[in-house]
Protein backbone atom coordinates (compact mmCIF):
# COMPACT_ATOMS: atom_id res chain seq x y z
CA MET A 1 0.09 0.46 -0.11
CA ARG A 2 1.80 3.43 -0.53
CA GLU A 3 2.03 5.94 1.74
CA PRO A 4 -0.80 7.88 3.10
CA ASP A 5 -1.40 11.37 2.00
CA LEU A 6 -1.41 12.64 5.06
CA LEU A 7 -2.68 12.55 8.39
CA LEU A 8 -5.98 13.23 9.39
CA ILE A 9 -5.37 14.09 13.83
CA ARG A 10 -8.61 15.26 16.29
CA PHE A 11 -7.87 16.81 19.44
CA GLY A 12 -10.90 15.87 22.50
CA GLU A 13 -10.13 18.02 25.74
CA LEU A 14 -9.12 21.96 23.28
CA ALA A 15 -12.12 21.84 21.90
CA LEU A 16 -13.93 22.83 25.52
CA LYS A 17 -11.12 25.45 25.69
CA GLY A 18 -14.20 28.06 24.44
CA GLY A 19 -12.21 31.46 23.55
CA ASN A 20 -9.00 30.56 24.52
CA ARG A 21 -9.15 27.26 22.00
CA ALA A 22 -7.06 29.36 19.31
CA ALA A 23 -3.95 29.72 21.76
CA TYR A 24 -4.59 26.15 22.16
CA GLU A 25 -4.96 25.03 18.84
CA LYS A 26 -1.64 27.16 17.64
CA ALA A 27 0.36 25.63 20.32
CA LEU A 28 -0.71 22.36 19.11
CA ARG A 29 0.22 22.25 15.72
CA GLN A 30 3.85 24.08 16.76
CA ASN A 31 4.35 20.73 18.63
CA LEU A 32 3.45 18.52 15.86
CA ARG A 33 5.20 20.63 13.12
CA LYS A 34 8.57 20.41 15.78
CA ALA A 35 7.76 16.82 16.41
CA LEU A 36 7.33 15.98 12.84
CA ARG A 37 9.48 17.43 11.06
CA GLU A 38 12.30 14.81 13.32
CA ILE A 39 10.91 13.16 10.91
CA ALA A 40 10.90 15.07 7.62
CA ASP A 41 9.39 17.68 6.49
CA VAL A 42 5.54 18.20 6.89
CA ARG A 43 2.50 20.32 6.06
CA ILE A 44 0.88 21.52 9.34
CA GLN A 45 -2.86 22.19 8.05
CA ALA A 46 -6.10 23.52 10.43
CA ILE A 47 -9.23 23.08 8.99
CA HIS A 48 -12.64 22.55 11.10
CA ALA A 49 -12.45 20.32 14.55
CA ARG A 50 -9.22 18.64 12.91
CA ILE A 51 -5.59 19.41 12.16
CA LEU A 52 -4.01 17.32 8.43
CA ALA A 53 -0.28 17.11 8.28
CA TYR A 54 0.84 16.43 4.80
CA PRO A 55 4.50 14.62 5.33
CA SER A 56 6.80 15.14 2.06
CA ARG A 57 7.89 11.21 2.89
CA ARG A 58 7.24 8.74 5.81
CA GLY A 59 4.11 8.77 6.37
CA ALA A 60 3.21 5.89 8.25
CA GLN A 61 6.10 7.03 10.72
CA MET A 62 5.24 10.29 10.73
CA ALA A 63 1.74 9.28 11.71
CA ARG A 64 3.13 7.14 15.07
CA ARG A 65 4.74 10.78 16.36
CA ALA A 66 2.12 12.46 15.63
CA ALA A 67 0.47 10.06 18.32
CA GLU A 68 2.83 10.65 21.01
CA VAL A 69 2.21 14.20 21.21
CA PHE A 70 0.35 15.63 23.69
CA GLY A 71 -3.16 17.37 23.07
CA VAL A 72 -3.48 14.73 20.10
CA LYS A 73 -6.98 12.44 20.79
CA SER A 74 -6.06 10.09 17.54
CA VAL A 75 -4.66 10.35 13.94
CA SER A 76 -5.40 8.30 11.42
CA PRO A 77 -3.49 8.05 8.35
CA ALA A 78 -5.95 8.86 4.72
CA TYR A 79 -6.12 9.46 1.49
CA THR A 80 -7.82 11.92 -0.24
CA VAL A 81 -10.50 10.93 -3.07
CA PRO A 82 -12.29 12.97 -5.31
CA ALA A 83 -16.36 13.09 -4.06
CA ASP A 84 -17.29 10.61 -6.38
CA ALA A 85 -19.29 8.02 -4.67
CA ASP A 86 -17.41 5.28 -7.47
CA ALA A 87 -13.93 6.26 -6.35
CA ILE A 88 -14.47 6.72 -2.64
CA GLU A 89 -16.00 3.04 -2.93
CA ALA A 90 -12.96 1.76 -4.74
CA LEU A 91 -10.64 3.63 -3.08
CA SER A 92 -12.58 2.41 0.61
CA LYS A 93 -11.91 -1.01 -1.05
CA GLU A 94 -8.17 -1.87 -1.52
CA LEU A 95 -7.56 0.14 1.88
CA LEU A 96 -10.13 -2.82 3.39
CA ASP A 97 -8.80 -5.14 1.25
CA ASP A 98 -4.90 -4.06 2.72
CA ALA A 99 -5.81 -3.48 6.07
CA LEU A 100 -7.38 -7.33 6.57
CA LEU A 101 -3.72 -8.70 5.02
CA ARG A 102 -1.86 -6.38 7.80
CA ASP A 103 -3.55 -7.72 10.52
CA GLN A 104 -2.81 -10.44 12.67
CA ARG A 105 -6.22 -10.35 14.53
CA PRO A 106 -8.77 -14.03 14.73
CA ARG A 107 -11.30 -13.50 12.32
CA PRO A 108 -14.19 -13.10 13.02
CA LEU A 109 -13.62 -9.25 13.50
CA THR A 110 -16.65 -6.68 14.21
CA PHE A 111 -16.87 -4.38 11.08
CA ARG A 112 -18.95 -0.78 10.27
CA VAL A 113 -18.05 1.87 7.64
CA ARG A 114 -18.73 5.50 9.33
CA VAL A 115 -19.46 8.16 7.34
CA LYS A 116 -18.89 11.93 8.12
CA ARG A 117 -20.49 14.30 5.35
CA ALA A 118 -19.59 18.05 6.63
CA ASP A 119 -20.26 19.16 2.57
CA LYS A 120 -24.30 18.88 2.63
CA ARG A 121 -24.04 19.10 -0.85
CA PHE A 122 -22.50 16.19 -1.31
CA PRO A 123 -25.40 14.26 -3.26
CA MET A 124 -26.00 11.30 -0.50
CA SER A 125 -26.81 11.05 3.09
CA SER A 126 -24.22 9.82 5.36
CA ILE A 127 -26.22 6.87 6.08
CA GLU A 128 -26.96 6.08 1.82
CA LEU A 129 -23.42 5.99 1.85
CA GLU A 130 -22.27 4.20 3.90
CA ARG A 131 -24.78 1.22 2.66
CA ARG A 132 -23.62 1.96 -0.38
CA ILE A 133 -19.96 1.87 0.87
CA ALA A 134 -20.32 -1.88 2.79
CA ASP A 135 -22.19 -3.31 0.25
CA HIS A 136 -19.30 -2.88 -2.22
CA VAL A 137 -16.76 -3.75 0.41
CA LEU A 138 -18.37 -6.64 2.09
CA PRO A 139 -18.31 -9.27 -0.53
CA GLY A 140 -15.22 -11.47 0.26
CA HIS A 141 -15.30 -11.13 3.83
CA GLU A 142 -16.47 -13.73 5.48
CA GLY A 143 -14.00 -12.44 8.47
CA LEU A 144 -15.95 -9.42 9.33
CA GLU A 145 -18.86 -8.75 10.91
CA VAL A 146 -20.67 -5.77 10.70
CA SER A 147 -21.26 -4.26 14.37
CA LEU A 148 -22.50 -0.84 14.93
CA LYS A 149 -21.08 -0.51 18.64
CA GLU A 150 -17.41 0.02 18.90
CA PRO A 151 -16.26 -2.47 16.47
CA GLN A 152 -12.05 -3.42 15.78
CA LEU A 153 -12.07 -2.17 12.65
CA GLU A 154 -13.63 1.15 11.23
CA LEU A 155 -13.79 2.42 7.31
CA GLY A 156 -13.38 5.92 7.91
CA VAL A 157 -14.90 8.37 5.30
CA GLU A 158 -15.11 12.39 5.45
CA ILE A 159 -16.93 14.52 2.78
CA ARG A 160 -15.54 17.89 2.98
CA GLY A 161 -16.31 19.27 -0.52
CA LYS A 162 -12.53 19.48 -2.40
CA GLN A 163 -11.06 17.58 -0.45
CA ASN A 164 -12.24 13.76 0.68
CA TYR A 165 -10.88 11.25 2.95
CA VAL A 166 -10.53 7.48 3.39
CA PHE A 167 -8.67 6.09 6.01
CA VAL A 168 -9.11 2.60 8.06
CA GLU A 169 -6.67 3.47 10.91
CA ARG A 170 -7.02 5.19 14.45
CA LEU A 171 -4.11 5.96 16.53
CA ALA A 172 -4.55 6.63 20.53
CA GLY A 173 -3.14 9.94 21.53
CA PRO A 174 -2.56 10.91 24.67
CA GLY A 175 -4.88 13.15 24.74
CA GLY A 176 -4.20 16.17 27.25
CA LEU A 177 -2.62 19.70 26.34
CA PRO A 178 -0.29 21.01 24.38
CA VAL A 179 3.35 20.89 26.61
CA GLY A 180 3.76 24.49 27.23
CA THR A 181 0.20 26.29 27.68
CA SER A 182 0.15 25.72 31.09
CA GLY A 183 3.93 27.15 31.99
CA ARG A 184 6.95 25.70 32.76
CA ALA A 185 7.70 23.35 36.26
CA LEU A 186 11.08 22.53 37.14
CA CYS A 187 10.74 18.24 38.20
CA LEU A 188 13.22 16.67 40.34
CA LEU A 189 14.62 13.39 38.63
CA SER A 190 15.66 10.87 40.36
CA GLY A 191 16.82 7.46 39.20
CA GLY A 192 13.14 6.12 40.49
CA ILE A 193 10.80 4.89 38.24
CA ASP A 194 8.14 7.55 40.26
CA SER A 195 9.54 10.20 38.92
CA PRO A 196 9.76 10.00 35.01
CA VAL A 197 6.17 8.92 35.02
CA ALA A 198 5.64 12.76 36.99
CA ALA A 199 7.47 14.09 34.30
CA TYR A 200 5.47 13.15 31.96
CA LEU A 201 1.85 13.38 33.70
CA GLY A 202 3.14 17.15 34.04
CA MET A 203 3.66 17.30 30.42
CA LYS A 204 0.45 15.83 29.24
CA ARG A 205 -1.56 18.36 31.87
CA GLY A 206 0.43 20.94 29.27
CA LEU A 207 3.68 21.46 31.40
CA HIS A 208 6.82 22.32 30.03
CA MET A 209 9.65 20.13 32.30
CA GLY A 210 13.15 21.10 33.39
CA PHE A 211 14.76 18.48 35.28
CA ILE A 212 16.89 19.32 38.39
CA THR A 213 18.84 16.18 39.85
CA PHE A 214 21.36 15.38 43.03
CA HIS A 215 24.95 14.32 42.56
CA SER A 216 27.50 13.42 45.45
CA PHE A 217 30.37 12.29 44.45
CA PRO A 218 32.77 10.49 45.39
CA TYR A 219 29.50 8.45 46.80
CA ILE A 220 27.52 8.61 43.23
CA GLY A 221 29.54 7.91 40.25
CA GLU A 222 29.16 8.76 36.86
CA SER A 223 27.15 5.92 35.57
CA ALA A 224 24.43 7.23 37.90
CA LYS A 225 24.08 10.57 36.02
CA ARG A 226 23.96 9.07 33.03
CA LYS A 227 21.46 6.76 34.25
CA ILE A 228 19.39 9.74 35.05
CA GLN A 229 20.58 11.85 31.81
CA ASP A 230 18.76 9.21 30.22
CA LEU A 231 15.22 8.97 31.98
CA ALA A 232 15.56 12.78 30.84
CA ARG A 233 16.31 11.91 27.75
CA ALA A 234 13.49 9.06 27.29
CA VAL A 235 10.44 10.90 28.89
CA CYS A 236 11.84 14.47 26.87
CA ARG A 237 10.60 12.52 23.58
CA TYR A 238 6.87 14.04 24.53
CA GLN A 239 7.78 17.54 24.54
CA GLY A 240 11.77 18.34 23.24
CA PRO A 241 14.53 19.73 24.97
CA ALA A 242 15.31 20.64 28.55
CA GLN A 243 17.90 22.17 30.57
CA PHE A 244 18.92 20.12 33.06
CA PHE A 245 20.53 20.94 36.30
CA VAL A 246 23.15 18.87 38.31
CA VAL A 247 23.13 19.85 41.89
CA PRO A 248 26.24 18.93 43.47
CA PHE A 249 24.63 17.71 46.71
CA THR A 250 28.40 15.63 48.90
CA GLU A 251 28.71 18.77 51.21
CA ALA A 252 24.75 19.44 51.91
CA GLN A 253 24.36 15.57 52.34
CA GLU A 254 27.29 15.12 54.16
CA ALA A 255 26.66 18.43 56.62
CA ILE A 256 22.90 17.00 57.23
CA ARG A 257 24.53 12.81 58.29
CA ASP A 258 27.05 14.09 60.98
CA GLN A 259 25.49 17.39 62.56
CA THR A 260 21.86 15.68 63.01
CA PRO A 261 20.04 12.38 63.98
CA GLU A 262 20.13 9.60 61.72
CA ARG A 263 16.33 8.76 62.06
CA TYR A 264 15.63 12.91 59.78
CA ARG A 265 18.14 12.36 57.02
CA VAL A 266 16.01 11.68 54.58
CA VAL A 267 13.14 14.50 55.40
CA LEU A 268 16.05 16.41 55.88
CA TYR A 269 17.59 16.00 52.67
CA ARG A 270 14.57 16.04 50.89
CA ARG A 271 13.50 20.02 52.49
CA MET A 272 16.89 21.11 51.59
CA MET A 273 16.66 19.60 47.36
CA ASN A 274 13.46 21.77 47.70
CA ARG A 275 15.33 25.09 49.12
CA ILE A 276 17.96 24.25 46.13
CA ALA A 277 15.32 24.00 43.58
CA SER A 278 13.61 26.33 44.63
CA ARG A 279 16.46 28.98 43.82
CA ILE A 280 17.59 27.49 40.95
CA ALA A 281 13.93 27.70 39.71
CA HIS A 282 12.79 30.92 40.63
CA ARG A 283 16.58 32.46 38.70
CA GLN A 284 15.46 29.98 35.40
CA SER A 285 11.61 31.44 35.37
CA TYR A 286 10.70 28.09 36.41
CA LYS A 287 7.35 28.71 38.34
CA ALA A 288 6.54 25.47 39.98
CA LEU A 289 8.12 22.29 41.21
CA LEU A 290 6.80 18.67 40.96
CA THR A 291 7.95 15.43 42.26
CA GLY A 292 7.35 11.87 42.32
CA GLU A 293 6.26 11.16 45.62
CA ASN A 294 3.55 9.26 46.44
CA LEU A 295 1.19 9.04 49.39
CA ALA A 296 1.93 6.42 52.17
CA GLN A 297 4.57 4.58 49.58
CA VAL A 298 7.19 4.91 51.57
CA ALA A 299 8.23 6.88 55.15
CA SER A 300 9.44 9.71 54.02
CA GLN A 301 5.66 10.20 52.33
CA THR A 302 3.54 9.71 54.83
CA LEU A 303 1.29 13.27 55.19
CA LYS A 304 2.67 14.87 57.56
CA ASN A 305 6.50 14.26 55.65
CA MET A 306 5.40 15.62 53.18
CA ASP A 307 4.08 18.47 54.37
CA LEU A 308 7.17 19.02 56.30
CA ILE A 309 9.45 18.39 53.56
CA GLY A 310 7.32 21.20 51.63
CA ARG A 311 7.18 23.85 53.81
CA THR A 312 10.68 24.45 52.70
CA ALA A 313 10.21 24.54 49.06
CA GLU A 314 9.74 28.61 47.62
CA HIS A 315 6.76 27.58 44.68
CA LEU A 316 4.36 25.52 43.93
CA VAL A 317 4.46 21.42 44.44
CA LEU A 318 3.38 19.62 42.88
CA ARG A 319 2.95 15.34 43.42
CA PRO A 320 0.77 13.85 39.67
CA LEU A 321 1.17 10.30 41.25
CA VAL A 322 0.08 11.21 44.67
CA GLY A 323 -3.22 8.87 44.00
CA PHE A 324 -1.83 6.11 42.10
CA ASP A 325 -0.88 2.92 43.42
CA LYS A 326 2.94 1.11 42.40
CA GLU A 327 0.68 -1.25 40.10
CA GLU A 328 -0.35 1.60 38.06
CA ILE A 329 3.30 4.00 38.00
CA ILE A 330 4.94 0.62 36.04
CA ALA A 331 2.32 0.14 34.05
CA VAL A 332 3.39 4.55 32.71
CA ALA A 333 6.96 3.83 32.88
CA ARG A 334 6.56 0.81 30.80
CA ARG A 335 4.23 2.78 28.29
CA ILE A 336 6.29 5.32 27.71
CA GLY A 337 9.76 3.56 27.71
CA THR A 338 11.37 4.41 31.20
CA PHE A 339 10.79 1.53 32.94
CA GLU A 340 14.47 -0.21 31.81
CA ILE A 341 16.05 2.62 32.35
CA SER A 342 14.80 2.72 35.82
CA ASN A 343 15.64 -0.21 36.97
CA ARG A 344 19.22 -0.25 35.96
CA PRO A 345 21.33 -0.68 39.03
CA GLU A 346 22.92 2.33 40.34
CA LEU A 347 22.65 4.13 43.44
CA ASP A 348 21.35 6.68 44.53
CA CYS A 349 21.45 9.84 46.57
CA CYS A 350 18.63 9.22 48.27
CA THR A 351 19.52 6.41 49.43
CA LEU A 352 23.00 7.87 50.66
CA PHE A 353 23.76 7.37 54.03
CA GLN A 354 20.14 5.42 54.59
CA PRO A 355 18.52 5.79 57.93
CA LYS A 356 18.17 2.15 60.37
CA SER A 357 14.94 3.28 61.22
CA PRO A 358 13.89 6.53 59.01
CA VAL A 359 11.03 9.31 61.05
CA ILE A 360 8.02 8.54 60.15
CA PHE A 361 5.79 11.38 61.73
CA GLY A 362 7.89 13.78 62.17
CA HIS A 363 7.79 16.69 63.66
CA PRO A 364 8.40 20.29 62.91
CA GLU A 365 10.24 21.31 65.97
CA GLU A 366 12.81 18.90 65.74
CA CYS A 367 12.81 19.54 62.53
CA ALA A 368 13.83 22.69 63.05
CA ALA A 369 16.16 21.90 66.04
CA ALA A 370 18.15 20.16 63.84
CA GLU A 371 18.35 22.83 60.68
CA ALA A 372 19.77 24.65 63.36
CA GLU A 373 22.91 23.21 63.43
CA LEU A 374 23.45 23.05 60.18
CA ALA A 375 24.67 26.46 58.22
CA ILE A 376 21.71 26.38 55.39
CA GLU A 377 22.02 29.23 53.91
CA ASP A 378 25.97 28.73 53.41
CA LEU A 379 24.68 25.19 52.18
CA VAL A 380 22.25 26.00 49.87
CA GLU A 381 24.22 29.13 48.14
CA ARG A 382 27.05 26.45 47.38
CA ALA A 383 24.94 24.08 45.63
CA VAL A 384 23.37 26.61 43.49
CA GLU A 385 26.45 28.39 42.76
CA GLY A 386 27.91 24.63 41.40
CA THR A 387 25.19 23.94 39.73
CA VAL A 388 26.26 22.85 36.15
CA ILE A 389 23.16 23.53 34.14
CA GLU A 390 22.75 20.62 30.40
CA ARG A 391 20.51 20.69 27.88
CA VAL A 392 19.43 17.15 27.43
CA ASP A 393 17.73 16.34 23.65
CA PRO A 394 15.13 12.95 22.99
CA PHE A 395 17.27 12.55 19.60
CA ASP A 396 20.80 13.77 20.42
């Protein structure tokens, strides 16, 4: 089968944005253009309730890429046809025959034809054209059973006047909002499973993510840093390049280890991380922090400890995973391609000098007393000044 003439791209939530809809649609077109141009030249056009992408080549690959862009509900590789019933019938049969040759699912398959007639000048109604096409394409396909509700295979036709489209694939997109329409957030990224998934979910709500990681050399080696870079690169596939901040955390971590009660170490590490991340976020114009915290998953994520940790942030702290269970998080990690990277066996600064019995329900007074032993402002400022700013690009 030849390459598709165009990609028919649908969006969902954007259609509900009222007076702001045009701005969201513009952002989606820009994001699609950036994503697809990584593959080949493409022309983007907006029509009513649709975006059309005309690939110069590699149309099937472009369709799969477009289906990864936030804001997209679904993508159909489509073929143009004149507004003529005979031509529509012939192309419909060609596409269906090819799709059935490639489809490995067991028979019978449920099937329907769905026609949308935007151009009312076309001489047949939608239902009339659906029946005519079905009568033409079904003979010879005993493995198809007509079903109008949730068919496994659907042949789509859109009648729009000068340009009319036939398609048989509908690739599901991620939905959500176009990246960048909700502002910029800084994700505290570790080597675990949770924080990359949290970043992905933040992107889905329109955030453009930057990433910050805390590196405790020489306790943590370069391979651990590369692992976190790889996680950032993997999740950046869904938004494009990002800033990547590497914070020298050894001095602050050693001070907490040597000068504060052992059971408070993890809570105090995270409070220090929030202070440093907020300082960098302010300097780099990020409007929120985002973490992979998940309520009651580990000792530092009880309600009391999350409150203690969050108080040191000078920015809004977003926690997209707060209501997820671990299996749900793992399922998303597998789907977005970060699970295998997260499972590489590397030491993480969050588990460095791990206490035997971490505090589960920390007290503000005890936290304050412990931190009174630390030169907090000096530690924060030296960590910020020593931070290295890099760039991660998913296609480097």
